[in-house]
Amino acid sequence: MNNTNSHDERIAKMVFASVYPLYLTKVEKKGRTKAELDEVITWLTGFNQKQLAEFMEKKVTFETFFGQATLNPNAGLITGTICGYRVEEISNPLTQQVRYLDKLVDELAKGKKMEKILRK
């Protein structure tokens, strides 16, 4: 992966509220729902619906978003490739967390069963 500081900084500065609609469009095109997307996000981050709405309203960056998250203890079980890179090999913790979320959204869009996505 392009592990340059500028790449990691760019991801850190991305606004969660600007990426969320892209996630939603991706999963809805494949027949999944907003509720399922939100379930995946809350599983990973520990946030509830109200908190997610507040983060979107405040237009927080991924750095702030994941800085306040309590990552699910099973997040380390998320493996595989996203954008051609193995998520388990990403060295920057914030970049890895964002890619965990990307991977979960991809799995949801690909029709995986929710219990598999949530590593149950």
PDB file of N, CA and C in Angstrom:
ATOM      1  N   MET A   1       0.840  -1.180   0.000  1.00  0.00           N
ATOM      2  CA  MET A   1       0.000   0.000   0.000  1.00  0.00           C
ATOM      3  C   MET A   1       0.877   1.233   0.000  1.00  0.00           C
ATOM      4  N   ASN A   2       0.377   2.291  -0.550  1.00  0.00           N
ATOM      5  CA  ASN A   2       1.078   3.563  -0.546  1.00  0.00           C
ATOM      6  C   ASN A   2       1.077   4.094   0.882  1.00  0.00           C
ATOM      7  N   ASN A   3       2.105   3.724   1.648  1.00  0.00           N
ATOM      8  CA  ASN A   3       2.156   4.070   3.062  1.00  0.00           C
ATOM      9  C   ASN A   3       2.861   5.389   3.316  1.00  0.00           C
ATOM     10  N   THR A   4       2.773   6.310   2.383  1.00  0.00           N
ATOM     11  CA  THR A   4       3.390   7.603   2.603  1.00  0.00           C
ATOM     12  C   THR A   4       2.579   8.385   3.615  1.00  0.00           C
ATOM     13  N   ASN A   5       3.253   9.309   4.270  1.00  0.00           N
ATOM     14  CA  ASN A   5       2.556  10.147   5.241  1.00  0.00           C
ATOM     15  C   ASN A   5       1.427  10.929   4.594  1.00  0.00           C
ATOM     16  N   SER A   6       1.621  11.381   3.360  1.00  0.00           N
ATOM     17  CA  SER A   6       0.575  12.169   2.697  1.00  0.00           C
ATOM     18  C   SER A   6      -0.677  11.332   2.454  1.00  0.00           C
ATOM     19  N   HIS A   7      -0.491  10.065   2.123  1.00  0.00           N
ATOM     20  CA  HIS A   7      -1.639   9.172   1.916  1.00  0.00           C
ATOM     21  C   HIS A   7      -2.406   8.992   3.219  1.00  0.00           C
ATOM     22  N   ASP A   8      -1.697   8.728   4.302  1.00  0.00           N
ATOM     23  CA  ASP A   8      -2.335   8.551   5.602  1.00  0.00           C
ATOM     24  C   ASP A   8      -3.011   9.842   6.062  1.00  0.00           C
ATOM     25  N   GLU A   9      -2.379  10.976   5.802  1.00  0.00           N
ATOM     26  CA  GLU A   9      -2.966  12.271   6.173  1.00  0.00           C
ATOM     27  C   GLU A   9      -4.232  12.547   5.376  1.00  0.00           C
ATOM     28  N   ARG A  10      -4.230  12.175   4.116  1.00  0.00           N
ATOM     29  CA  ARG A  10      -5.407  12.389   3.271  1.00  0.00           C
ATOM     30  C   ARG A  10      -6.591  11.585   3.797  1.00  0.00           C
ATOM     31  N   ILE A  11      -6.341  10.357   4.177  1.00  0.00           N
ATOM     32  CA  ILE A  11      -7.405   9.520   4.743  1.00  0.00           C
ATOM     33  C   ILE A  11      -7.887  10.106   6.069  1.00  0.00           C
ATOM     34  N   ALA A  12      -6.954  10.550   6.902  1.00  0.00           N
ATOM     35  CA  ALA A  12      -7.313  11.114   8.212  1.00  0.00           C
ATOM     36  C   ALA A  12      -8.207  12.340   8.061  1.00  0.00           C
ATOM     37  N   LYS A  13      -7.990  13.127   7.019  1.00  0.00           N
ATOM     38  CA  LYS A  13      -8.735  14.377   6.825  1.00  0.00           C
ATOM     39  C   LYS A  13     -10.058  14.184   6.084  1.00  0.00           C
ATOM     40  N   MET A  14     -10.317  12.988   5.580  1.00  0.00           N
ATOM     41  CA  MET A  14     -11.587  12.741   4.891  1.00  0.00           C
ATOM     42  C   MET A  14     -12.729  12.874   5.888  1.00  0.00           C
ATOM     43  N   VAL A  15     -13.821  13.481   5.440  1.00  0.00           N
ATOM     44  CA  VAL A  15     -14.982  13.699   6.301  1.00  0.00           C
ATOM     45  C   VAL A  15     -15.911  12.489   6.209  1.00  0.00           C
ATOM     46  N   PHE A  16     -16.234  11.918   7.365  1.00  0.00           N
ATOM     47  CA  PHE A  16     -17.093  10.743   7.421  1.00  0.00           C
ATOM     48  C   PHE A  16     -18.418  10.993   6.685  1.00  0.00           C
ATOM     49  N   ALA A  17     -19.006  12.161   6.885  1.00  0.00           N
ATOM     50  CA  ALA A  17     -20.300  12.479   6.269  1.00  0.00           C
ATOM     51  C   ALA A  17     -20.231  12.533   4.746  1.00  0.00           C
ATOM     52  N   SER A  18     -19.063  12.761   4.194  1.00  0.00           N
ATOM     53  CA  SER A  18     -18.937  12.786   2.730  1.00  0.00           C
ATOM     54  C   SER A  18     -18.756  11.379   2.152  1.00  0.00           C
ATOM     55  N   VAL A  19     -18.271  10.451   2.968  1.00  0.00           N
ATOM     56  CA  VAL A  19     -18.049   9.077   2.511  1.00  0.00           C
ATOM     57  C   VAL A  19     -19.289   8.206   2.750  1.00  0.00           C
ATOM     58  N   TYR A  20     -20.023   8.488   3.812  1.00  0.00           N
ATOM     59  CA  TYR A  20     -21.193   7.680   4.171  1.00  0.00           C
ATOM     60  C   TYR A  20     -22.183   7.525   3.011  1.00  0.00           C
ATOM     61  N   PRO A  21     -22.555   8.616   2.303  1.00  0.00           N
ATOM     62  CA  PRO A  21     -23.498   8.435   1.184  1.00  0.00           C
ATOM     63  C   PRO A  21     -22.962   7.514   0.082  1.00  0.00           C
ATOM     64  N   LEU A  22     -21.657   7.501  -0.090  1.00  0.00           N
ATOM     65  CA  LEU A  22     -21.053   6.607  -1.083  1.00  0.00           C
ATOM     66  C   LEU A  22     -21.193   5.154  -0.640  1.00  0.00           C
ATOM     67  N   TYR A  23     -20.971   4.911   0.652  1.00  0.00           N
ATOM     68  CA  TYR A  23     -21.189   3.576   1.194  1.00  0.00           C
ATOM     69  C   TYR A  23     -22.646   3.160   1.002  1.00  0.00           C
ATOM     70  N   LEU A  24     -23.556   4.069   1.327  1.00  0.00           N
ATOM     71  CA  LEU A  24     -24.986   3.775   1.254  1.00  0.00           C
ATOM     72  C   LEU A  24     -25.406   3.450  -0.186  1.00  0.00           C
ATOM     73  N   THR A  25     -24.952   4.250  -1.120  1.00  0.00           N
ATOM     74  CA  THR A  25     -25.268   4.002  -2.531  1.00  0.00           C
ATOM     75  C   THR A  25     -24.753   2.637  -2.966  1.00  0.00           C
ATOM     76  N   LYS A  26     -23.535   2.325  -2.557  1.00  0.00           N
ATOM     77  CA  LYS A  26     -22.922   1.045  -2.928  1.00  0.00           C
ATOM     78  C   LYS A  26     -23.744  -0.138  -2.429  1.00  0.00           C
ATOM     79  N   VAL A  27     -24.164  -0.101  -1.164  1.00  0.00           N
ATOM     80  CA  VAL A  27     -24.893  -1.242  -0.623  1.00  0.00           C
ATOM     81  C   VAL A  27     -26.326  -1.298  -1.138  1.00  0.00           C
ATOM     82  N   GLU A  28     -26.955  -0.140  -1.319  1.00  0.00           N
ATOM     83  CA  GLU A  28     -28.335  -0.134  -1.814  1.00  0.00           C
ATOM     84  C   GLU A  28     -28.426  -0.629  -3.255  1.00  0.00           C
ATOM     85  N   LYS A  29     -27.407  -0.343  -4.064  1.00  0.00           N
ATOM     86  CA  LYS A  29     -27.381  -0.850  -5.443  1.00  0.00           C
ATOM     87  C   LYS A  29     -27.389  -2.376  -5.472  1.00  0.00           C
ATOM     88  N   LYS A  30     -26.887  -2.967  -4.409  1.00  0.00           N
ATOM     89  CA  LYS A  30     -26.810  -4.426  -4.328  1.00  0.00           C
ATOM     90  C   LYS A  30     -27.933  -5.026  -3.490  1.00  0.00           C
ATOM     91  N   GLY A  31     -28.959  -4.215  -3.193  1.00  0.00           N
ATOM     92  CA  GLY A  31     -30.124  -4.739  -2.502  1.00  0.00           C
ATOM     93  C   GLY A  31     -30.026  -4.775  -0.982  1.00  0.00           C
ATOM     94  N   ARG A  32     -29.000  -4.159  -0.425  1.00  0.00           N
ATOM     95  CA  ARG A  32     -28.876  -4.099   1.033  1.00  0.00           C
ATOM     96  C   ARG A  32     -29.482  -2.789   1.528  1.00  0.00           C
ATOM     97  N   THR A  33     -29.624  -2.649   2.837  1.00  0.00           N
ATOM     98  CA  THR A  33     -30.338  -1.503   3.386  1.00  0.00           C
ATOM     99  C   THR A  33     -29.434  -0.576   4.203  1.00  0.00           C
ATOM    100  N   LYS A  34     -29.954   0.620   4.450  1.00  0.00           N
ATOM    101  CA  LYS A  34     -29.276   1.585   5.317  1.00  0.00           C
ATOM    102  C   LYS A  34     -29.131   0.995   6.715  1.00  0.00           C
ATOM    103  N   ALA A  35     -30.156   0.305   7.190  1.00  0.00           N
ATOM    104  CA  ALA A  35     -30.106  -0.312   8.521  1.00  0.00           C
ATOM    105  C   ALA A  35     -28.959  -1.311   8.616  1.00  0.00           C
ATOM    106  N   GLU A  36     -28.752  -2.091   7.560  1.00  0.00           N
ATOM    107  CA  GLU A  36     -27.648  -3.053   7.558  1.00  0.00           C
ATOM    108  C   GLU A  36     -26.306  -2.332   7.550  1.00  0.00           C
ATOM    109  N   LEU A  37     -26.206  -1.270   6.766  1.00  0.00           N
ATOM    110  CA  LEU A  37     -24.971  -0.490   6.734  1.00  0.00           C
ATOM    111  C   LEU A  37     -24.676   0.076   8.124  1.00  0.00           C
ATOM    112  N   ASP A  38     -25.693   0.654   8.743  1.00  0.00           N
ATOM    113  CA  ASP A  38     -25.513   1.227  10.072  1.00  0.00           C
ATOM    114  C   ASP A  38     -25.149   0.157  11.100  1.00  0.00           C
ATOM    115  N   GLU A  39     -25.712  -1.032  10.953  1.00  0.00           N
ATOM    116  CA  GLU A  39     -25.376  -2.131  11.861  1.00  0.00           C
ATOM    117  C   GLU A  39     -23.893  -2.490  11.758  1.00  0.00           C
ATOM    118  N   VAL A  40     -23.390  -2.529  10.539  1.00  0.00           N
ATOM    119  CA  VAL A  40     -21.971  -2.835  10.313  1.00  0.00           C
ATOM    120  C   VAL A  40     -21.092  -1.752  10.932  1.00  0.00           C
ATOM    121  N   ILE A  41     -21.463  -0.495  10.719  1.00  0.00           N
ATOM    122  CA  ILE A  41     -20.669   0.612  11.256  1.00  0.00           C
ATOM    123  C   ILE A  41     -20.693   0.601  12.787  1.00  0.00           C
ATOM    124  N   THR A  42     -21.862   0.379  13.368  1.00  0.00           N
ATOM    125  CA  THR A  42     -21.949   0.369  14.834  1.00  0.00           C
ATOM    126  C   THR A  42     -21.214  -0.831  15.419  1.00  0.00           C
ATOM    127  N   TRP A  43     -21.239  -1.965  14.722  1.00  0.00           N
ATOM    128  CA  TRP A  43     -20.490  -3.125  15.197  1.00  0.00           C
ATOM    129  C   TRP A  43     -18.999  -2.796  15.268  1.00  0.00           C
ATOM    130  N   LEU A  44     -18.473  -2.163  14.220  1.00  0.00           N
ATOM    131  CA  LEU A  44     -17.045  -1.867  14.161  1.00  0.00           C
ATOM    132  C   LEU A  44     -16.640  -0.800  15.176  1.00  0.00           C
ATOM    133  N   THR A  45     -17.452   0.249  15.298  1.00  0.00           N
ATOM    134  CA  THR A  45     -17.037   1.431  16.061  1.00  0.00           C
ATOM    135  C   THR A  45     -17.591   1.524  17.474  1.00  0.00           C
ATOM    136  N   GLY A  46     -18.687   0.831  17.755  1.00  0.00           N
ATOM    137  CA  GLY A  46     -19.328   0.945  19.056  1.00  0.00           C
ATOM    138  C   GLY A  46     -20.275   2.128  19.171  1.00  0.00           C
ATOM    139  N   PHE A  47     -20.432   2.908  18.104  1.00  0.00           N
ATOM    140  CA  PHE A  47     -21.325   4.059  18.139  1.00  0.00           C
ATOM    141  C   PHE A  47     -22.774   3.627  17.967  1.00  0.00           C
ATOM    142  N   ASN A  48     -23.694   4.428  18.504  1.00  0.00           N
ATOM    143  CA  ASN A  48     -25.115   4.174  18.282  1.00  0.00           C
ATOM    144  C   ASN A  48     -25.626   5.103  17.170  1.00  0.00           C
ATOM    145  N   GLN A  49     -26.890   4.957  16.819  1.00  0.00           N
ATOM    146  CA  GLN A  49     -27.478   5.746  15.720  1.00  0.00           C
ATOM    147  C   GLN A  49     -27.365   7.243  15.978  1.00  0.00           C
ATOM    148  N   LYS A  50     -27.638   7.651  17.203  1.00  0.00           N
ATOM    149  CA  LYS A  50     -27.584   9.081  17.549  1.00  0.00           C
ATOM    150  C   LYS A  50     -26.173   9.625  17.351  1.00  0.00           C
ATOM    151  N   GLN A  51     -25.188   8.874  17.799  1.00  0.00           N
ATOM    152  CA  GLN A  51     -23.802   9.314  17.645  1.00  0.00           C
ATOM    153  C   GLN A  51     -23.413   9.416  16.173  1.00  0.00           C
ATOM    154  N   LEU A  52     -23.820   8.426  15.371  1.00  0.00           N
ATOM    155  CA  LEU A  52     -23.520   8.479  13.937  1.00  0.00           C
ATOM    156  C   LEU A  52     -24.113   9.739  13.313  1.00  0.00           C
ATOM    157  N   ALA A  53     -25.355  10.042  13.659  1.00  0.00           N
ATOM    158  CA  ALA A  53     -26.020  11.236  13.126  1.00  0.00           C
ATOM    159  C   ALA A  53     -25.277  12.504  13.547  1.00  0.00           C
ATOM    160  N   GLU A  54     -24.829  12.545  14.786  1.00  0.00           N
ATOM    161  CA  GLU A  54     -24.083  13.716  15.272  1.00  0.00           C
ATOM    162  C   GLU A  54     -22.764  13.881  14.525  1.00  0.00           C
ATOM    163  N   PHE A  55     -22.068  12.775  14.297  1.00  0.00           N
ATOM    164  CA  PHE A  55     -20.803  12.845  13.560  1.00  0.00           C
ATOM    165  C   PHE A  55     -21.024  13.366  12.145  1.00  0.00           C
ATOM    166  N   MET A  56     -22.104  12.939  11.532  1.00  0.00           N
ATOM    167  CA  MET A  56     -22.384  13.405  10.173  1.00  0.00           C
ATOM    168  C   MET A  56     -22.773  14.877  10.183  1.00  0.00           C
ATOM    169  N   GLU A  57     -23.564  15.274  11.154  1.00  0.00           N
ATOM    170  CA  GLU A  57     -23.982  16.669  11.253  1.00  0.00           C
ATOM    171  C   GLU A  57     -22.785  17.591  11.495  1.00  0.00           C
ATOM    172  N   LYS A  58     -21.858  17.140  12.336  1.00  0.00           N
ATOM    173  CA  LYS A  58     -20.674  17.950  12.672  1.00  0.00           C
ATOM    174  C   LYS A  58     -19.579  17.845  11.618  1.00  0.00           C
ATOM    175  N   LYS A  59     -19.783  16.959  10.645  1.00  0.00           N
ATOM    176  CA  LYS A  59     -18.813  16.759   9.562  1.00  0.00           C
ATOM    177  C   LYS A  59     -17.397  16.467  10.096  1.00  0.00           C
ATOM    178  N   VAL A  60     -17.325  15.475  10.988  1.00  0.00           N
ATOM    179  CA  VAL A  60     -16.037  15.111  11.575  1.00  0.00           C
ATOM    180  C   VAL A  60     -15.196  14.318  10.570  1.00  0.00           C
ATOM    181  N   THR A  61     -13.906  14.404  10.746  1.00  0.00           N
ATOM    182  CA  THR A  61     -12.973  13.651   9.907  1.00  0.00           C
ATOM    183  C   THR A  61     -12.893  12.208  10.401  1.00  0.00           C
ATOM    184  N   PHE A  62     -12.321  11.352   9.557  1.00  0.00           N
ATOM    185  CA  PHE A  62     -12.097   9.974   9.994  1.00  0.00           C
ATOM    186  C   PHE A  62     -11.179   9.940  11.212  1.00  0.00           C
ATOM    187  N   GLU A  63     -10.239  10.879  11.288  1.00  0.00           N
ATOM    188  CA  GLU A  63      -9.340  10.932  12.434  1.00  0.00           C
ATOM    189  C   GLU A  63     -10.128  11.120  13.730  1.00  0.00           C
ATOM    190  N   THR A  64     -11.079  12.037  13.742  1.00  0.00           N
ATOM    191  CA  THR A  64     -11.917  12.271  14.912  1.00  0.00           C
ATOM    192  C   THR A  64     -12.872  11.099  15.135  1.00  0.00           C
ATOM    193  N   PHE A  65     -13.471  10.630  14.045  1.00  0.00           N
ATOM    194  CA  PHE A  65     -14.436   9.540  14.102  1.00  0.00           C
ATOM    195  C   PHE A  65     -13.834   8.306  14.766  1.00  0.00           C
ATOM    196  N   PHE A  66     -12.709   7.841  14.233  1.00  0.00           N
ATOM    197  CA  PHE A  66     -12.087   6.634  14.796  1.00  0.00           C
ATOM    198  C   PHE A  66     -11.350   6.925  16.101  1.00  0.00           C
ATOM    199  N   GLY A  67     -10.957   8.180  16.313  1.00  0.00           N
ATOM    200  CA  GLY A  67     -10.329   8.559  17.581  1.00  0.00           C
ATOM    201  C   GLY A  67     -11.277   8.409  18.756  1.00  0.00           C
ATOM    202  N   GLN A  68     -12.581   8.550  18.499  1.00  0.00           N
ATOM    203  CA  GLN A  68     -13.585   8.423  19.552  1.00  0.00           C
ATOM    204  C   GLN A  68     -14.243   7.038  19.573  1.00  0.00           C
ATOM    205  N   ALA A  69     -13.925   6.218  18.603  1.00  0.00           N
ATOM    206  CA  ALA A  69     -14.539   4.888  18.505  1.00  0.00           C
ATOM    207  C   ALA A  69     -13.912   3.922  19.502  1.00  0.00           C
ATOM    208  N   THR A  70     -14.724   2.948  19.891  1.00  0.00           N
ATOM    209  CA  THR A  70     -14.223   1.803  20.650  1.00  0.00           C
ATOM    210  C   THR A  70     -14.293   0.629  19.683  1.00  0.00           C
ATOM    211  N   LEU A  71     -13.173   0.359  19.042  1.00  0.00           N
ATOM    212  CA  LEU A  71     -13.147  -0.665  18.002  1.00  0.00           C
ATOM    213  C   LEU A  71     -13.560  -2.025  18.564  1.00  0.00           C
ATOM    214  N   ASN A  72     -14.376  -2.724  17.808  1.00  0.00           N
ATOM    215  CA  ASN A  72     -14.830  -4.048  18.216  1.00  0.00           C
ATOM    216  C   ASN A  72     -13.613  -4.948  18.435  1.00  0.00           C
ATOM    217  N   PRO A  73     -13.610  -5.728  19.521  1.00  0.00           N
ATOM    218  CA  PRO A  73     -12.470  -6.619  19.783  1.00  0.00           C
ATOM    219  C   PRO A  73     -12.219  -7.618  18.661  1.00  0.00           C
ATOM    220  N   ASN A  74     -13.247  -7.915  17.858  1.00  0.00           N
ATOM    221  CA  ASN A  74     -13.076  -8.857  16.747  1.00  0.00           C
ATOM    222  C   ASN A  74     -12.668  -8.174  15.442  1.00  0.00           C
ATOM    223  N   ALA A  75     -12.391  -6.883  15.483  1.00  0.00           N
ATOM    224  CA  ALA A  75     -11.989  -6.175  14.257  1.00  0.00           C
ATOM    225  C   ALA A  75     -10.727  -6.783  13.652  1.00  0.00           C
ATOM    226  N   GLY A  76      -9.861  -7.309  14.480  1.00  0.00           N
ATOM    227  CA  GLY A  76      -8.640  -7.941  13.985  1.00  0.00           C
ATOM    228  C   GLY A  76      -8.899  -9.171  13.134  1.00  0.00           C
ATOM    229  N   LEU A  77     -10.121  -9.684  13.193  1.00  0.00           N
ATOM    230  CA  LEU A  77     -10.483 -10.841  12.362  1.00  0.00           C
ATOM    231  C   LEU A  77     -10.831 -10.428  10.932  1.00  0.00           C
ATOM    232  N   ILE A  78     -10.895  -9.123  10.689  1.00  0.00           N
ATOM    233  CA  ILE A  78     -11.172  -8.637   9.334  1.00  0.00           C
ATOM    234  C   ILE A  78      -9.890  -8.760   8.527  1.00  0.00           C
ATOM    235  N   THR A  79      -9.933  -9.602   7.528  1.00  0.00           N
ATOM    236  CA  THR A  79      -8.762  -9.841   6.698  1.00  0.00           C
ATOM    237  C   THR A  79      -9.181  -9.798   5.235  1.00  0.00           C
ATOM    238  N   GLY A  80      -8.205  -9.805   4.390  1.00  0.00           N
ATOM    239  CA  GLY A  80      -8.485  -9.814   2.961  1.00  0.00           C
ATOM    240  C   GLY A  80      -7.988  -8.544   2.307  1.00  0.00           C
ATOM    241  N   THR A  81      -8.364  -8.386   1.061  1.00  0.00           N
ATOM    242  CA  THR A  81      -7.864  -7.245   0.309  1.00  0.00           C
ATOM    243  C   THR A  81      -8.950  -6.200   0.106  1.00  0.00           C
ATOM    244  N   ILE A  82      -8.484  -4.971   0.095  1.00  0.00           N
ATOM    245  CA  ILE A  82      -9.333  -3.838  -0.243  1.00  0.00           C
ATOM    246  C   ILE A  82      -8.459  -2.911  -1.079  1.00  0.00           C
ATOM    247  N   CYS A  83      -8.942  -2.544  -2.225  1.00  0.00           N
ATOM    248  CA  CYS A  83      -8.172  -1.708  -3.152  1.00  0.00           C
ATOM    249  C   CYS A  83      -6.814  -2.338  -3.482  1.00  0.00           C
ATOM    250  N   GLY A  84      -6.774  -3.673  -3.482  1.00  0.00           N
ATOM    251  CA  GLY A  84      -5.548  -4.367  -3.852  1.00  0.00           C
ATOM    252  C   GLY A  84      -4.546  -4.569  -2.726  1.00  0.00           C
ATOM    253  N   TYR A  85      -4.892  -4.160  -1.501  1.00  0.00           N
ATOM    254  CA  TYR A  85      -3.978  -4.275  -0.375  1.00  0.00           C
ATOM    255  C   TYR A  85      -4.597  -5.101   0.738  1.00  0.00           C
ATOM    256  N   ARG A  86      -3.791  -5.850   1.448  1.00  0.00           N
ATOM    257  CA  ARG A  86      -4.277  -6.676   2.557  1.00  0.00           C
ATOM    258  C   ARG A  86      -4.486  -5.785   3.778  1.00  0.00           C
ATOM    259  N   VAL A  87      -5.703  -5.762   4.307  1.00  0.00           N
ATOM    260  CA  VAL A  87      -6.004  -4.874   5.425  1.00  0.00           C
ATOM    261  C   VAL A  87      -5.193  -5.225   6.674  1.00  0.00           C
ATOM    262  N   GLU A  88      -4.893  -6.490   6.848  1.00  0.00           N
ATOM    263  CA  GLU A  88      -4.148  -6.892   8.035  1.00  0.00           C
ATOM    264  C   GLU A  88      -2.679  -6.463   7.988  1.00  0.00           C
ATOM    265  N   GLU A  89      -2.195  -6.022   6.828  1.00  0.00           N
ATOM    266  CA  GLU A  89      -0.798  -5.611   6.689  1.00  0.00           C
ATOM    267  C   GLU A  89      -0.611  -4.094   6.682  1.00  0.00           C
ATOM    268  N   ILE A  90      -1.681  -3.337   6.818  1.00  0.00           N
ATOM    269  CA  ILE A  90      -1.575  -1.877   6.807  1.00  0.00           C
ATOM    270  C   ILE A  90      -0.986  -1.432   8.142  1.00  0.00           C
ATOM    271  N   SER A  91       0.092  -0.644   8.083  1.00  0.00           N
ATOM    272  CA  SER A  91       0.822  -0.304   9.308  1.00  0.00           C
ATOM    273  C   SER A  91       0.241   0.896  10.058  1.00  0.00           C
ATOM    274  N   ASN A  92      -0.352   1.847   9.382  1.00  0.00           N
ATOM    275  CA  ASN A  92      -0.926   3.007  10.063  1.00  0.00           C
ATOM    276  C   ASN A  92      -2.269   2.617  10.675  1.00  0.00           C
ATOM    277  N   PRO A  93      -2.417   2.735  11.997  1.00  0.00           N
ATOM    278  CA  PRO A  93      -3.650   2.278  12.650  1.00  0.00           C
ATOM    279  C   PRO A  93      -4.924   2.943  12.117  1.00  0.00           C
ATOM    280  N   LEU A  94      -4.906   4.252  11.892  1.00  0.00           N
ATOM    281  CA  LEU A  94      -6.101   4.930  11.400  1.00  0.00           C
ATOM    282  C   LEU A  94      -6.442   4.472   9.987  1.00  0.00           C
ATOM    283  N   THR A  95      -5.457   4.399   9.132  1.00  0.00           N
ATOM    284  CA  THR A  95      -5.690   3.930   7.768  1.00  0.00           C
ATOM    285  C   THR A  95      -6.245   2.514   7.797  1.00  0.00           C
ATOM    286  N   GLN A  96      -5.712   1.676   8.673  1.00  0.00           N
ATOM    287  CA  GLN A  96      -6.205   0.312   8.786  1.00  0.00           C
ATOM    288  C   GLN A  96      -7.660   0.287   9.240  1.00  0.00           C
ATOM    289  N   GLN A  97      -8.031   1.129  10.193  1.00  0.00           N
ATOM    290  CA  GLN A  97      -9.403   1.171  10.669  1.00  0.00           C
ATOM    291  C   GLN A  97     -10.367   1.620   9.572  1.00  0.00           C
ATOM    292  N   VAL A  98      -9.966   2.613   8.806  1.00  0.00           N
ATOM    293  CA  VAL A  98     -10.803   3.066   7.685  1.00  0.00           C
ATOM    294  C   VAL A  98     -10.948   1.939   6.670  1.00  0.00           C
ATOM    295  N   ARG A  99      -9.882   1.232   6.404  1.00  0.00           N
ATOM    296  CA  ARG A  99      -9.943   0.116   5.456  1.00  0.00           C
ATOM    297  C   ARG A  99     -10.744  -1.058   6.005  1.00  0.00           C
ATOM    298  N   TYR A 100     -10.746  -1.251   7.326  1.00  0.00           N
ATOM    299  CA  TYR A 100     -11.642  -2.245   7.921  1.00  0.00           C
ATOM    300  C   TYR A 100     -13.084  -1.895   7.555  1.00  0.00           C
ATOM    301  N   LEU A 101     -13.433  -0.628   7.713  1.00  0.00           N
ATOM    302  CA  LEU A 101     -14.787  -0.196   7.387  1.00  0.00           C
ATOM    303  C   LEU A 101     -15.072  -0.407   5.905  1.00  0.00           C
ATOM    304  N   ASP A 102     -14.125  -0.036   5.055  1.00  0.00           N
ATOM    305  CA  ASP A 102     -14.296  -0.258   3.610  1.00  0.00           C
ATOM    306  C   ASP A 102     -14.530  -1.734   3.307  1.00  0.00           C
ATOM    307  N   LYS A 103     -13.769  -2.596   3.965  1.00  0.00           N
ATOM    308  CA  LYS A 103     -13.889  -4.044   3.744  1.00  0.00           C
ATOM    309  C   LYS A 103     -15.256  -4.548   4.171  1.00  0.00           C
ATOM    310  N   LEU A 104     -15.749  -4.085   5.319  1.00  0.00           N
ATOM    311  CA  LEU A 104     -17.067  -4.506   5.779  1.00  0.00           C
ATOM    312  C   LEU A 104     -18.163  -4.047   4.819  1.00  0.00           C
ATOM    313  N   VAL A 105     -18.041  -2.836   4.320  1.00  0.00           N
ATOM    314  CA  VAL A 105     -19.021  -2.317   3.353  1.00  0.00           C
ATOM    315  C   VAL A 105     -18.970  -3.145   2.072  1.00  0.00           C
ATOM    316  N   ASP A 106     -17.779  -3.494   1.617  1.00  0.00           N
ATOM    317  CA  ASP A 106     -17.644  -4.356   0.431  1.00  0.00           C
ATOM    318  C   ASP A 106     -18.316  -5.712   0.649  1.00  0.00           C
ATOM    319  N   GLU A 107     -18.085  -6.301   1.807  1.00  0.00           N
ATOM    320  CA  GLU A 107     -18.692  -7.602   2.102  1.00  0.00           C
ATOM    321  C   GLU A 107     -20.210  -7.500   2.135  1.00  0.00           C
ATOM    322  N   LEU A 108     -20.729  -6.424   2.687  1.00  0.00           N
ATOM    323  CA  LEU A 108     -22.174  -6.204   2.721  1.00  0.00           C
ATOM    324  C   LEU A 108     -22.712  -6.086   1.299  1.00  0.00           C
ATOM    325  N   ALA A 109     -22.043  -5.298   0.476  1.00  0.00           N
ATOM    326  CA  ALA A 109     -22.475  -5.102  -0.903  1.00  0.00           C
ATOM    327  C   ALA A 109     -22.381  -6.381  -1.727  1.00  0.00           C
ATOM    328  N   LYS A 110     -21.449  -7.252  -1.357  1.00  0.00           N
ATOM    329  CA  LYS A 110     -21.282  -8.507  -2.099  1.00  0.00           C
ATOM    330  C   LYS A 110     -22.276  -9.581  -1.667  1.00  0.00           C
ATOM    331  N   GLY A 111     -23.124  -9.249  -0.685  1.00  0.00           N
ATOM    332  CA  GLY A 111     -24.171 -10.178  -0.295  1.00  0.00           C
ATOM    333  C   GLY A 111     -23.806 -11.176   0.782  1.00  0.00           C
ATOM    334  N   LYS A 112     -22.683 -10.973   1.444  1.00  0.00           N
ATOM    335  CA  LYS A 112     -22.319 -11.879   2.537  1.00  0.00           C
ATOM    336  C   LYS A 112     -23.378 -11.834   3.621  1.00  0.00           C
ATOM    337  N   LYS A 113     -23.539 -12.937   4.323  1.00  0.00           N
ATOM    338  CA  LYS A 113     -24.476 -12.986   5.436  1.00  0.00           C
ATOM    339  C   LYS A 113     -23.959 -12.106   6.582  1.00  0.00           C
ATOM    340  N   MET A 114     -24.901 -11.467   7.257  1.00  0.00           N
ATOM    341  CA  MET A 114     -24.536 -10.518   8.319  1.00  0.00           C
ATOM    342  C   MET A 114     -23.699 -11.166   9.410  1.00  0.00           C
ATOM    343  N   GLU A 115     -23.994 -12.425   9.781  1.00  0.00           N
ATOM    344  CA  GLU A 115     -23.202 -13.053  10.838  1.00  0.00           C
ATOM    345  C   GLU A 115     -21.739 -13.269  10.413  1.00  0.00           C
ATOM    346  N   LYS A 116     -21.510 -13.455   9.127  1.00  0.00           N
ATOM    347  CA  LYS A 116     -20.138 -13.582   8.612  1.00  0.00           C
ATOM    348  C   LYS A 116     -19.441 -12.215   8.650  1.00  0.00           C
ATOM    349  N   ILE A 117     -20.164 -11.177   8.213  1.00  0.00           N
ATOM    350  CA  ILE A 117     -19.592  -9.828   8.190  1.00  0.00           C
ATOM    351  C   ILE A 117     -19.211  -9.398   9.601  1.00  0.00           C
ATOM    352  N   LEU A 118     -20.078  -9.706  10.567  1.00  0.00           N
ATOM    353  CA  LEU A 118     -19.856  -9.290  11.944  1.00  0.00           C
ATOM    354  C   LEU A 118     -18.974 -10.268  12.734  1.00  0.00           C
ATOM    355  N   ARG A 119     -18.364 -11.182  12.025  1.00  0.00           N
ATOM    356  CA  ARG A 119     -17.397 -12.130  12.595  1.00  0.00           C
ATOM    357  C   ARG A 119     -17.959 -12.865  13.802  1.00  0.00           C
ATOM    358  N   LYS A 120     -19.168 -13.415  13.644  1.00  0.00           N
ATOM    359  CA  LYS A 120     -19.787 -14.168  14.744  1.00  0.00           C
ATOM    360  C   LYS A 120     -19.477 -15.649  14.632  1.00  0.00           C
TER     361      LYS A 120
END
